[in-house]
PDB file of N, CA and C in Angstrom:
ATOM      1  N   MET A   1       6.164 -47.853 -47.921  1.00  0.00           N
ATOM      2  CA  MET A   1       7.031 -46.898 -47.905  1.00  0.00           C
ATOM      3  C   MET A   1       8.110 -47.016 -47.209  1.00  0.00           C
ATOM      4  N   PRO A   2       8.913 -46.285 -47.746  1.00  0.00           N
ATOM      5  CA  PRO A   2      10.723 -46.942 -47.959  1.00  0.00           C
ATOM      6  C   PRO A   2      11.294 -46.985 -46.137  1.00  0.00           C
ATOM      7  N   GLN A   3      12.287 -47.743 -45.736  1.00  0.00           N
ATOM      8  CA  GLN A   3      12.634 -48.127 -44.743  1.00  0.00           C
ATOM      9  C   GLN A   3      13.704 -46.180 -44.486  1.00  0.00           C
ATOM     10  N   PRO A   4      13.921 -45.714 -43.090  1.00  0.00           N
ATOM     11  CA  PRO A   4      14.589 -44.568 -42.873  1.00  0.00           C
ATOM     12  C   PRO A   4      16.583 -44.659 -42.689  1.00  0.00           C
ATOM     13  N   ILE A   5      17.283 -44.708 -43.517  1.00  0.00           N
ATOM     14  CA  ILE A   5      18.437 -45.100 -43.843  1.00  0.00           C
ATOM     15  C   ILE A   5      19.436 -44.059 -42.407  1.00  0.00           C
ATOM     16  N   LEU A   6      20.796 -44.520 -41.695  1.00  0.00           N
ATOM     17  CA  LEU A   6      21.263 -44.166 -41.095  1.00  0.00           C
ATOM     18  C   LEU A   6      22.493 -43.952 -41.371  1.00  0.00           C
ATOM     19  N   GLU A   7      22.986 -42.550 -41.350  1.00  0.00           N
ATOM     20  CA  GLU A   7      23.997 -42.445 -41.918  1.00  0.00           C
ATOM     21  C   GLU A   7      25.109 -42.236 -40.167  1.00  0.00           C
ATOM     22  N   VAL A   8      25.711 -42.497 -40.292  1.00  0.00           N
ATOM     23  CA  VAL A   8      26.889 -43.127 -39.207  1.00  0.00           C
ATOM     24  C   VAL A   8      28.274 -43.215 -39.632  1.00  0.00           C
ATOM     25  N   ALA A   9      28.638 -41.403 -38.636  1.00  0.00           N
ATOM     26  CA  ALA A   9      30.533 -41.246 -39.000  1.00  0.00           C
ATOM     27  C   ALA A   9      30.773 -41.854 -37.796  1.00  0.00           C
ATOM     28  N   VAL A  10      31.726 -41.253 -37.795  1.00  0.00           N
ATOM     29  CA  VAL A  10      32.253 -41.464 -36.540  1.00  0.00           C
ATOM     30  C   VAL A  10      34.037 -40.758 -36.534  1.00  0.00           C
ATOM     31  N   LEU A  11      33.627 -39.974 -35.892  1.00  0.00           N
ATOM     32  CA  LEU A  11      34.419 -38.239 -35.847  1.00  0.00           C
ATOM     33  C   LEU A  11      35.725 -38.276 -34.800  1.00  0.00           C
ATOM     34  N   ASN A  12      37.059 -38.492 -34.922  1.00  0.00           N
ATOM     35  CA  ASN A  12      38.022 -38.453 -34.290  1.00  0.00           C
ATOM     36  C   ASN A  12      39.167 -37.148 -34.884  1.00  0.00           C
ATOM     37  N   VAL A  13      38.499 -36.424 -33.473  1.00  0.00           N
ATOM     38  CA  VAL A  13      38.557 -34.557 -33.335  1.00  0.00           C
ATOM     39  C   VAL A  13      40.584 -34.902 -33.397  1.00  0.00           C
ATOM     40  N   ILE A  14      41.725 -34.294 -33.476  1.00  0.00           N
ATOM     41  CA  ILE A  14      42.680 -33.203 -33.279  1.00  0.00           C
ATOM     42  C   ILE A  14      41.786 -33.131 -31.828  1.00  0.00           C
ATOM     43  N   PRO A  15      43.526 -33.162 -31.297  1.00  0.00           N
ATOM     44  CA  PRO A  15      43.805 -33.734 -30.131  1.00  0.00           C
ATOM     45  C   PRO A  15      43.378 -32.393 -28.875  1.00  0.00           C
ATOM     46  N   GLY A  16      43.188 -32.064 -28.053  1.00  0.00           N
ATOM     47  CA  GLY A  16      43.038 -30.407 -28.082  1.00  0.00           C
ATOM     48  C   GLY A  16      42.265 -29.426 -28.634  1.00  0.00           C
ATOM     49  N   GLN A  17      41.064 -29.974 -29.401  1.00  0.00           N
ATOM     50  CA  GLN A  17      40.017 -29.006 -29.798  1.00  0.00           C
ATOM     51  C   GLN A  17      38.865 -29.281 -29.924  1.00  0.00           C
ATOM     52  N   ASN A  18      37.906 -29.822 -29.249  1.00  0.00           N
ATOM     53  CA  ASN A  18      36.951 -30.828 -28.863  1.00  0.00           C
ATOM     54  C   ASN A  18      35.704 -29.893 -28.241  1.00  0.00           C
ATOM     55  N   ALA A  19      35.901 -28.009 -27.836  1.00  0.00           N
ATOM     56  CA  ALA A  19      35.385 -27.342 -27.272  1.00  0.00           C
ATOM     57  C   ALA A  19      35.022 -26.874 -28.780  1.00  0.00           C
ATOM     58  N   GLU A  20      36.255 -26.845 -29.007  1.00  0.00           N
ATOM     59  CA  GLU A  20      35.960 -25.258 -30.403  1.00  0.00           C
ATOM     60  C   GLU A  20      34.513 -25.997 -31.238  1.00  0.00           C
ATOM     61  N   PHE A  21      35.300 -27.857 -31.838  1.00  0.00           N
ATOM     62  CA  PHE A  21      34.863 -28.519 -32.631  1.00  0.00           C
ATOM     63  C   PHE A  21      32.548 -28.801 -31.883  1.00  0.00           C
ATOM     64  N   GLU A  22      32.771 -29.072 -30.686  1.00  0.00           N
ATOM     65  CA  GLU A  22      31.534 -29.271 -30.102  1.00  0.00           C
ATOM     66  C   GLU A  22      31.186 -28.047 -30.890  1.00  0.00           C
ATOM     67  N   ALA A  23      31.785 -26.497 -30.392  1.00  0.00           N
ATOM     68  CA  ALA A  23      29.816 -24.638 -30.513  1.00  0.00           C
ATOM     69  C   ALA A  23      30.273 -25.086 -32.348  1.00  0.00           C
ATOM     70  N   ALA A  24      31.542 -25.802 -33.163  1.00  0.00           N
ATOM     71  CA  ALA A  24      31.063 -25.186 -34.498  1.00  0.00           C
ATOM     72  C   ALA A  24      29.979 -26.152 -34.634  1.00  0.00           C
ATOM     73  N   PHE A  25      30.544 -27.504 -34.450  1.00  0.00           N
ATOM     74  CA  PHE A  25      28.652 -28.463 -34.531  1.00  0.00           C
ATOM     75  C   PHE A  25      27.655 -27.870 -33.897  1.00  0.00           C
ATOM     76  N   ARG A  26      27.630 -27.116 -33.051  1.00  0.00           N
ATOM     77  CA  ARG A  26      26.282 -26.420 -32.246  1.00  0.00           C
ATOM     78  C   ARG A  26      25.610 -25.411 -33.787  1.00  0.00           C
ATOM     79  N   VAL A  27      26.490 -24.929 -34.296  1.00  0.00           N
ATOM     80  CA  VAL A  27      26.047 -23.666 -35.666  1.00  0.00           C
ATOM     81  C   VAL A  27      25.863 -24.713 -36.330  1.00  0.00           C
ATOM     82  N   ALA A  28      26.111 -26.123 -36.956  1.00  0.00           N
ATOM     83  CA  ALA A  28      26.375 -27.350 -37.945  1.00  0.00           C
ATOM     84  C   ALA A  28      25.237 -27.715 -38.148  1.00  0.00           C
ATOM     85  N   GLN A  29      24.705 -28.152 -36.824  1.00  0.00           N
ATOM     86  CA  GLN A  29      24.237 -29.069 -36.878  1.00  0.00           C
ATOM     87  C   GLN A  29      22.622 -28.116 -37.088  1.00  0.00           C
ATOM     88  N   ASN A  30      22.271 -26.676 -36.809  1.00  0.00           N
ATOM     89  CA  ASN A  30      21.414 -25.876 -38.283  1.00  0.00           C
ATOM     90  C   ASN A  30      21.580 -26.380 -39.857  1.00  0.00           C
ATOM     91  N   ILE A  31      22.633 -26.877 -40.022  1.00  0.00           N
ATOM     92  CA  ILE A  31      22.427 -26.368 -42.116  1.00  0.00           C
ATOM     93  C   ILE A  31      21.868 -28.153 -41.401  1.00  0.00           C
ATOM     94  N   ILE A  32      22.481 -29.017 -41.063  1.00  0.00           N
ATOM     95  CA  ILE A  32      22.253 -30.208 -42.010  1.00  0.00           C
ATOM     96  C   ILE A  32      20.649 -30.576 -41.629  1.00  0.00           C
ATOM     97  N   SER A  33      20.521 -30.033 -41.032  1.00  0.00           N
ATOM     98  CA  SER A  33      18.374 -30.219 -39.985  1.00  0.00           C
ATOM     99  C   SER A  33      17.076 -29.316 -41.199  1.00  0.00           C
ATOM    100  N   GLY A  34      17.896 -28.190 -41.883  1.00  0.00           N
ATOM    101  CA  GLY A  34      17.065 -27.785 -42.767  1.00  0.00           C
ATOM    102  C   GLY A  34      17.075 -28.140 -43.886  1.00  0.00           C
ATOM    103  N   MET A  35      18.070 -29.614 -43.786  1.00  0.00           N
ATOM    104  CA  MET A  35      17.881 -30.174 -45.549  1.00  0.00           C
ATOM    105  C   MET A  35      16.888 -31.178 -46.166  1.00  0.00           C
ATOM    106  N   ASP A  36      16.147 -31.216 -47.042  1.00  0.00           N
ATOM    107  CA  ASP A  36      15.085 -32.000 -47.506  1.00  0.00           C
ATOM    108  C   ASP A  36      16.146 -33.864 -47.500  1.00  0.00           C
ATOM    109  N   GLY A  37      14.642 -34.260 -46.852  1.00  0.00           N
ATOM    110  CA  GLY A  37      15.002 -35.695 -45.965  1.00  0.00           C
ATOM    111  C   GLY A  37      15.852 -35.768 -44.598  1.00  0.00           C
ATOM    112  N   TYR A  38      15.974 -34.766 -44.647  1.00  0.00           N
ATOM    113  CA  TYR A  38      16.420 -35.110 -42.291  1.00  0.00           C
ATOM    114  C   TYR A  38      15.834 -35.523 -41.939  1.00  0.00           C
ATOM    115  N   ILE A  39      15.894 -36.051 -41.501  1.00  0.00           N
ATOM    116  CA  ILE A  39      14.729 -36.664 -40.366  1.00  0.00           C
ATOM    117  C   ILE A  39      15.643 -36.139 -39.322  1.00  0.00           C
ATOM    118  N   ASN A  40      16.662 -36.712 -38.585  1.00  0.00           N
ATOM    119  CA  ASN A  40      16.915 -36.793 -36.601  1.00  0.00           C
ATOM    120  C   ASN A  40      18.653 -36.911 -37.034  1.00  0.00           C
ATOM    121  N   HIS A  41      19.329 -36.144 -36.124  1.00  0.00           N
ATOM    122  CA  HIS A  41      20.420 -36.920 -35.110  1.00  0.00           C
ATOM    123  C   HIS A  41      20.471 -36.690 -34.297  1.00  0.00           C
ATOM    124  N   THR A  42      21.547 -37.140 -33.947  1.00  0.00           N
ATOM    125  CA  THR A  42      22.340 -37.253 -32.554  1.00  0.00           C
ATOM    126  C   THR A  42      24.270 -36.645 -32.613  1.00  0.00           C
ATOM    127  N   LEU A  43      24.588 -36.448 -32.025  1.00  0.00           N
ATOM    128  CA  LEU A  43      26.216 -36.438 -31.573  1.00  0.00           C
ATOM    129  C   LEU A  43      26.378 -37.008 -30.464  1.00  0.00           C
ATOM    130  N   LYS A  44      27.470 -38.232 -30.062  1.00  0.00           N
ATOM    131  CA  LYS A  44      27.984 -38.798 -29.040  1.00  0.00           C
ATOM    132  C   LYS A  44      28.896 -38.496 -29.048  1.00  0.00           C
ATOM    133  N   HIS A  45      29.312 -38.619 -27.439  1.00  0.00           N
ATOM    134  CA  HIS A  45      31.066 -38.832 -27.190  1.00  0.00           C
ATOM    135  C   HIS A  45      31.871 -39.210 -27.114  1.00  0.00           C
ATOM    136  N   CYS A  46      32.867 -39.649 -27.203  1.00  0.00           N
ATOM    137  CA  CYS A  46      33.674 -40.830 -26.351  1.00  0.00           C
ATOM    138  C   CYS A  46      33.852 -41.266 -25.280  1.00  0.00           C
ATOM    139  N   LEU A  47      33.502 -42.238 -24.820  1.00  0.00           N
ATOM    140  CA  LEU A  47      33.306 -42.007 -23.479  1.00  0.00           C
ATOM    141  C   LEU A  47      35.342 -43.065 -22.732  1.00  0.00           C
ATOM    142  N   GLU A  48      35.540 -44.120 -24.153  1.00  0.00           N
ATOM    143  CA  GLU A  48      37.101 -44.456 -23.617  1.00  0.00           C
ATOM    144  C   GLU A  48      37.857 -43.949 -24.787  1.00  0.00           C
ATOM    145  N   ARG A  49      37.544 -42.726 -25.401  1.00  0.00           N
ATOM    146  CA  ARG A  49      38.252 -41.929 -25.672  1.00  0.00           C
ATOM    147  C   ARG A  49      38.141 -40.516 -26.461  1.00  0.00           C
ATOM    148  N   PRO A  50      39.069 -39.984 -25.181  1.00  0.00           N
ATOM    149  CA  PRO A  50      38.116 -38.492 -25.603  1.00  0.00           C
ATOM    150  C   PRO A  50      38.592 -37.723 -26.780  1.00  0.00           C
ATOM    151  N   GLY A  51      38.953 -38.200 -27.525  1.00  0.00           N
ATOM    152  CA  GLY A  51      38.374 -37.231 -29.335  1.00  0.00           C
ATOM    153  C   GLY A  51      37.748 -37.797 -30.520  1.00  0.00           C
ATOM    154  N   GLU A  52      36.698 -38.946 -29.730  1.00  0.00           N
ATOM    155  CA  GLU A  52      36.031 -39.220 -30.939  1.00  0.00           C
ATOM    156  C   GLU A  52      34.768 -38.787 -30.336  1.00  0.00           C
ATOM    157  N   TYR A  53      34.240 -39.232 -31.819  1.00  0.00           N
ATOM    158  CA  TYR A  53      32.003 -38.958 -31.624  1.00  0.00           C
ATOM    159  C   TYR A  53      31.856 -39.847 -31.896  1.00  0.00           C
ATOM    160  N   VAL A  54      30.758 -39.976 -32.448  1.00  0.00           N
ATOM    161  CA  VAL A  54      29.895 -40.636 -33.360  1.00  0.00           C
ATOM    162  C   VAL A  54      28.603 -39.678 -34.136  1.00  0.00           C
ATOM    163  N   LEU A  55      28.189 -39.526 -35.136  1.00  0.00           N
ATOM    164  CA  LEU A  55      27.241 -39.007 -35.776  1.00  0.00           C
ATOM    165  C   LEU A  55      26.575 -39.082 -36.401  1.00  0.00           C
ATOM    166  N   LEU A  56      24.878 -39.487 -36.143  1.00  0.00           N
ATOM    167  CA  LEU A  56      24.164 -39.758 -36.383  1.00  0.00           C
ATOM    168  C   LEU A  56      22.723 -39.532 -36.327  1.00  0.00           C
ATOM    169  N   VAL A  57      23.256 -40.407 -38.143  1.00  0.00           N
ATOM    170  CA  VAL A  57      21.698 -39.186 -38.848  1.00  0.00           C
ATOM    171  C   VAL A  57      20.807 -39.770 -39.619  1.00  0.00           C
ATOM    172  N   TRP A  58      19.726 -39.185 -39.184  1.00  0.00           N
ATOM    173  CA  TRP A  58      18.479 -40.585 -40.027  1.00  0.00           C
ATOM    174  C   TRP A  58      18.560 -39.290 -41.548  1.00  0.00           C
ATOM    175  N   TRP A  59      18.029 -40.289 -42.624  1.00  0.00           N
ATOM    176  CA  TRP A  59      17.929 -39.554 -43.619  1.00  0.00           C
ATOM    177  C   TRP A  59      16.315 -40.142 -44.714  1.00  0.00           C
ATOM    178  N   THR A  60      15.426 -40.291 -45.181  1.00  0.00           N
ATOM    179  CA  THR A  60      14.630 -40.604 -46.004  1.00  0.00           C
ATOM    180  C   THR A  60      14.918 -41.687 -46.673  1.00  0.00           C
ATOM    181  N   THR A  61      16.456 -41.113 -47.350  1.00  0.00           N
ATOM    182  CA  THR A  61      16.814 -42.537 -48.777  1.00  0.00           C
ATOM    183  C   THR A  61      18.113 -41.775 -48.170  1.00  0.00           C
ATOM    184  N   LEU A  62      18.690 -42.954 -48.686  1.00  0.00           N
ATOM    185  CA  LEU A  62      20.344 -42.269 -49.210  1.00  0.00           C
ATOM    186  C   LEU A  62      20.391 -41.578 -50.269  1.00  0.00           C
ATOM    187  N   GLU A  63      20.133 -41.010 -50.624  1.00  0.00           N
ATOM    188  CA  GLU A  63      19.850 -39.652 -52.006  1.00  0.00           C
ATOM    189  C   GLU A  63      20.387 -38.615 -50.965  1.00  0.00           C
ATOM    190  N   ALA A  64      19.337 -38.386 -50.459  1.00  0.00           N
ATOM    191  CA  ALA A  64      18.784 -37.478 -49.877  1.00  0.00           C
ATOM    192  C   ALA A  64      19.870 -36.640 -49.090  1.00  0.00           C
ATOM    193  N   HIS A  65      20.731 -38.184 -48.404  1.00  0.00           N
ATOM    194  CA  HIS A  65      22.252 -37.481 -47.928  1.00  0.00           C
ATOM    195  C   HIS A  65      22.931 -37.290 -49.182  1.00  0.00           C
ATOM    196  N   THR A  66      23.340 -38.903 -49.919  1.00  0.00           N
ATOM    197  CA  THR A  66      24.966 -38.807 -50.228  1.00  0.00           C
ATOM    198  C   THR A  66      24.462 -37.765 -51.160  1.00  0.00           C
ATOM    199  N   VAL A  67      23.280 -37.261 -52.202  1.00  0.00           N
ATOM    200  CA  VAL A  67      22.701 -36.540 -53.464  1.00  0.00           C
ATOM    201  C   VAL A  67      22.634 -34.821 -53.396  1.00  0.00           C
ATOM    202  N   GLY A  68      21.737 -34.546 -52.192  1.00  0.00           N
ATOM    203  CA  GLY A  68      21.050 -33.972 -52.108  1.00  0.00           C
ATOM    204  C   GLY A  68      21.686 -33.025 -51.129  1.00  0.00           C
ATOM    205  N   PHE A  69      22.332 -33.243 -49.514  1.00  0.00           N
ATOM    206  CA  PHE A  69      22.570 -32.415 -48.409  1.00  0.00           C
ATOM    207  C   PHE A  69      24.427 -32.515 -49.498  1.00  0.00           C
ATOM    208  N   ARG A  70      25.571 -33.370 -49.846  1.00  0.00           N
ATOM    209  CA  ARG A  70      26.307 -33.329 -50.183  1.00  0.00           C
ATOM    210  C   ARG A  70      26.351 -32.609 -51.753  1.00  0.00           C
ATOM    211  N   GLY A  71      25.737 -32.445 -52.209  1.00  0.00           N
ATOM    212  CA  GLY A  71      25.724 -31.551 -53.845  1.00  0.00           C
ATOM    213  C   GLY A  71      25.138 -30.134 -53.458  1.00  0.00           C
ATOM    214  N   SER A  72      24.101 -29.700 -52.077  1.00  0.00           N
ATOM    215  CA  SER A  72      24.169 -28.649 -51.851  1.00  0.00           C
ATOM    216  C   SER A  72      25.091 -28.070 -51.533  1.00  0.00           C
ATOM    217  N   PRO A  73      24.715 -26.078 -51.966  1.00  0.00           N
ATOM    218  CA  PRO A  73      25.489 -25.302 -50.960  1.00  0.00           C
ATOM    219  C   PRO A  73      26.111 -25.339 -50.337  1.00  0.00           C
ATOM    220  N   GLN A  74      24.793 -24.923 -48.654  1.00  0.00           N
ATOM    221  CA  GLN A  74      25.011 -25.682 -47.639  1.00  0.00           C
ATOM    222  C   GLN A  74      26.350 -27.392 -47.038  1.00  0.00           C
ATOM    223  N   TYR A  75      26.778 -28.385 -47.875  1.00  0.00           N
ATOM    224  CA  TYR A  75      27.675 -28.698 -47.642  1.00  0.00           C
ATOM    225  C   TYR A  75      28.850 -28.050 -47.527  1.00  0.00           C
ATOM    226  N   ALA A  76      28.859 -27.177 -48.410  1.00  0.00           N
ATOM    227  CA  ALA A  76      29.971 -26.340 -48.301  1.00  0.00           C
ATOM    228  C   ALA A  76      30.102 -25.161 -46.822  1.00  0.00           C
ATOM    229  N   GLN A  77      29.070 -25.114 -45.914  1.00  0.00           N
ATOM    230  CA  GLN A  77      29.250 -24.421 -44.898  1.00  0.00           C
ATOM    231  C   GLN A  77      29.431 -25.236 -44.091  1.00  0.00           C
ATOM    232  N   TRP A  78      28.864 -26.496 -44.112  1.00  0.00           N
ATOM    233  CA  TRP A  78      29.114 -26.830 -43.326  1.00  0.00           C
ATOM    234  C   TRP A  78      30.626 -27.368 -43.487  1.00  0.00           C
ATOM    235  N   ARG A  79      31.729 -27.598 -44.477  1.00  0.00           N
ATOM    236  CA  ARG A  79      32.830 -28.342 -44.683  1.00  0.00           C
ATOM    237  C   ARG A  79      33.428 -27.996 -44.043  1.00  0.00           C
ATOM    238  N   ALA A  80      33.749 -26.180 -44.449  1.00  0.00           N
ATOM    239  CA  ALA A  80      33.900 -25.223 -43.509  1.00  0.00           C
ATOM    240  C   ALA A  80      34.054 -24.759 -42.695  1.00  0.00           C
ATOM    241  N   LEU A  81      32.800 -25.369 -41.690  1.00  0.00           N
ATOM    242  CA  LEU A  81      32.909 -25.392 -40.168  1.00  0.00           C
ATOM    243  C   LEU A  81      32.883 -26.556 -39.561  1.00  0.00           C
ATOM    244  N   LEU A  82      33.422 -27.710 -39.990  1.00  0.00           N
ATOM    245  CA  LEU A  82      33.593 -28.842 -39.136  1.00  0.00           C
ATOM    246  C   LEU A  82      34.714 -29.471 -39.607  1.00  0.00           C
ATOM    247  N   HIS A  83      34.709 -29.331 -41.754  1.00  0.00           N
ATOM    248  CA  HIS A  83      35.690 -31.396 -41.810  1.00  0.00           C
ATOM    249  C   HIS A  83      37.795 -30.403 -40.658  1.00  0.00           C
ATOM    250  N   HIS A  84      38.161 -28.968 -40.598  1.00  0.00           N
ATOM    251  CA  HIS A  84      39.595 -28.744 -40.313  1.00  0.00           C
ATOM    252  C   HIS A  84      39.558 -30.102 -38.894  1.00  0.00           C
ATOM    253  N   PHE A  85      38.157 -29.967 -38.290  1.00  0.00           N
ATOM    254  CA  PHE A  85      38.480 -30.820 -37.058  1.00  0.00           C
ATOM    255  C   PHE A  85      39.229 -32.395 -36.770  1.00  0.00           C
ATOM    256  N   TYR A  86      38.852 -32.914 -38.002  1.00  0.00           N
ATOM    257  CA  TYR A  86      39.518 -34.561 -38.179  1.00  0.00           C
ATOM    258  C   TYR A  86      40.754 -35.080 -38.217  1.00  0.00           C
ATOM    259  N   ASP A  87      40.923 -36.046 -37.613  1.00  0.00           N
ATOM    260  CA  ASP A  87      42.870 -36.610 -38.149  1.00  0.00           C
ATOM    261  C   ASP A  87      41.915 -38.012 -37.559  1.00  0.00           C
ATOM    262  N   PRO A  88      41.933 -39.194 -38.627  1.00  0.00           N
ATOM    263  CA  PRO A  88      41.373 -38.813 -40.061  1.00  0.00           C
ATOM    264  C   PRO A  88      40.251 -38.621 -40.558  1.00  0.00           C
ATOM    265  N   PHE A  89      40.697 -38.522 -41.995  1.00  0.00           N
ATOM    266  CA  PHE A  89      39.117 -38.193 -42.160  1.00  0.00           C
ATOM    267  C   PHE A  89      37.573 -39.261 -42.239  1.00  0.00           C
ATOM    268  N   PRO A  90      36.966 -38.729 -41.332  1.00  0.00           N
ATOM    269  CA  PRO A  90      35.063 -39.409 -40.874  1.00  0.00           C
ATOM    270  C   PRO A  90      35.605 -41.025 -42.664  1.00  0.00           C
ATOM    271  N   THR A  91      35.220 -42.243 -42.542  1.00  0.00           N
ATOM    272  CA  THR A  91      34.592 -43.331 -43.013  1.00  0.00           C
ATOM    273  C   THR A  91      32.887 -42.713 -42.440  1.00  0.00           C
ATOM    274  N   VAL A  92      31.928 -42.513 -43.330  1.00  0.00           N
ATOM    275  CA  VAL A  92      31.153 -42.374 -43.147  1.00  0.00           C
ATOM    276  C   VAL A  92      30.067 -43.069 -43.794  1.00  0.00           C
ATOM    277  N   LEU A  93      29.071 -44.109 -43.590  1.00  0.00           N
ATOM    278  CA  LEU A  93      28.506 -45.317 -43.879  1.00  0.00           C
ATOM    279  C   LEU A  93      27.199 -45.030 -44.052  1.00  0.00           C
ATOM    280  N   HIS A  94      25.640 -45.948 -43.835  1.00  0.00           N
ATOM    281  CA  HIS A  94      25.096 -45.835 -44.312  1.00  0.00           C
ATOM    282  C   HIS A  94      24.629 -47.342 -43.642  1.00  0.00           C
ATOM    283  N   TYR A  95      22.808 -47.706 -43.311  1.00  0.00           N
ATOM    284  CA  TYR A  95      22.594 -48.209 -42.501  1.00  0.00           C
ATOM    285  C   TYR A  95      21.033 -48.299 -43.050  1.00  0.00           C
ATOM    286  N   GLY A  96      20.970 -50.062 -43.544  1.00  0.00           N
ATOM    287  CA  GLY A  96      19.379 -49.536 -42.847  1.00  0.00           C
ATOM    288  C   GLY A  96      18.928 -51.144 -42.156  1.00  0.00           C
ATOM    289  N   GLU A  97      16.790 -51.118 -41.996  1.00  0.00           N
ATOM    290  CA  GLU A  97      17.068 -52.046 -41.239  1.00  0.00           C
ATOM    291  C   GLU A  97      16.833 -53.497 -41.860  1.00  0.00           C
ATOM    292  N   VAL A  98      16.989 -54.449 -40.463  1.00  0.00           N
ATOM    293  CA  VAL A  98      17.126 -55.538 -41.139  1.00  0.00           C
ATOM    294  C   VAL A  98      15.631 -55.919 -40.429  1.00  0.00           C
ATOM    295  N   GLU A  99      15.352 -56.368 -41.484  1.00  0.00           N
ATOM    296  CA  GLU A  99      14.011 -57.441 -41.349  1.00  0.00           C
ATOM    297  C   GLU A  99      13.712 -58.147 -40.082  1.00  0.00           C
ATOM    298  N   GLY A 100      11.901 -58.103 -40.451  1.00  0.00           N
ATOM    299  CA  GLY A 100      12.004 -58.679 -38.564  1.00  0.00           C
ATOM    300  C   GLY A 100      13.450 -58.758 -36.871  1.00  0.00           C
ATOM    301  N   VAL A 101      13.440 -57.545 -37.279  1.00  0.00           N
ATOM    302  CA  VAL A 101      14.984 -57.104 -35.810  1.00  0.00           C
ATOM    303  C   VAL A 101      13.743 -55.788 -35.681  1.00  0.00           C
ATOM    304  N   PRO A 102      13.195 -55.846 -34.292  1.00  0.00           N
ATOM    305  CA  PRO A 102      12.938 -54.074 -33.582  1.00  0.00           C
ATOM    306  C   PRO A 102      13.797 -52.607 -33.709  1.00  0.00           C
ATOM    307  N   ALA A 103      13.402 -51.700 -34.565  1.00  0.00           N
ATOM    308  CA  ALA A 103      13.980 -50.963 -35.085  1.00  0.00           C
ATOM    309  C   ALA A 103      15.353 -50.414 -33.304  1.00  0.00           C
TER     310      ALA A 103
END
């Protein structure tokens, strides 16, 4: 069985829009959590940089995110809810397990 893939997105929110972003994310998380291949997610707020967050999403496969979610009609809803909060637009990377190292 393949190991889950971890999506990591560092989100830089426009200054002064944290509360609005967090409220929009509470709605948007219901979109992503209903997608095929979704396992779990968490959103963390940076203590040293007030406008920075990190979004961690676990997927069953890379394609569940890059093809399934990003190619879905639900992605348009996600984009409309969240993408206008970012400056600059986030880089999203995917990570797999390192053999012999605990998860």
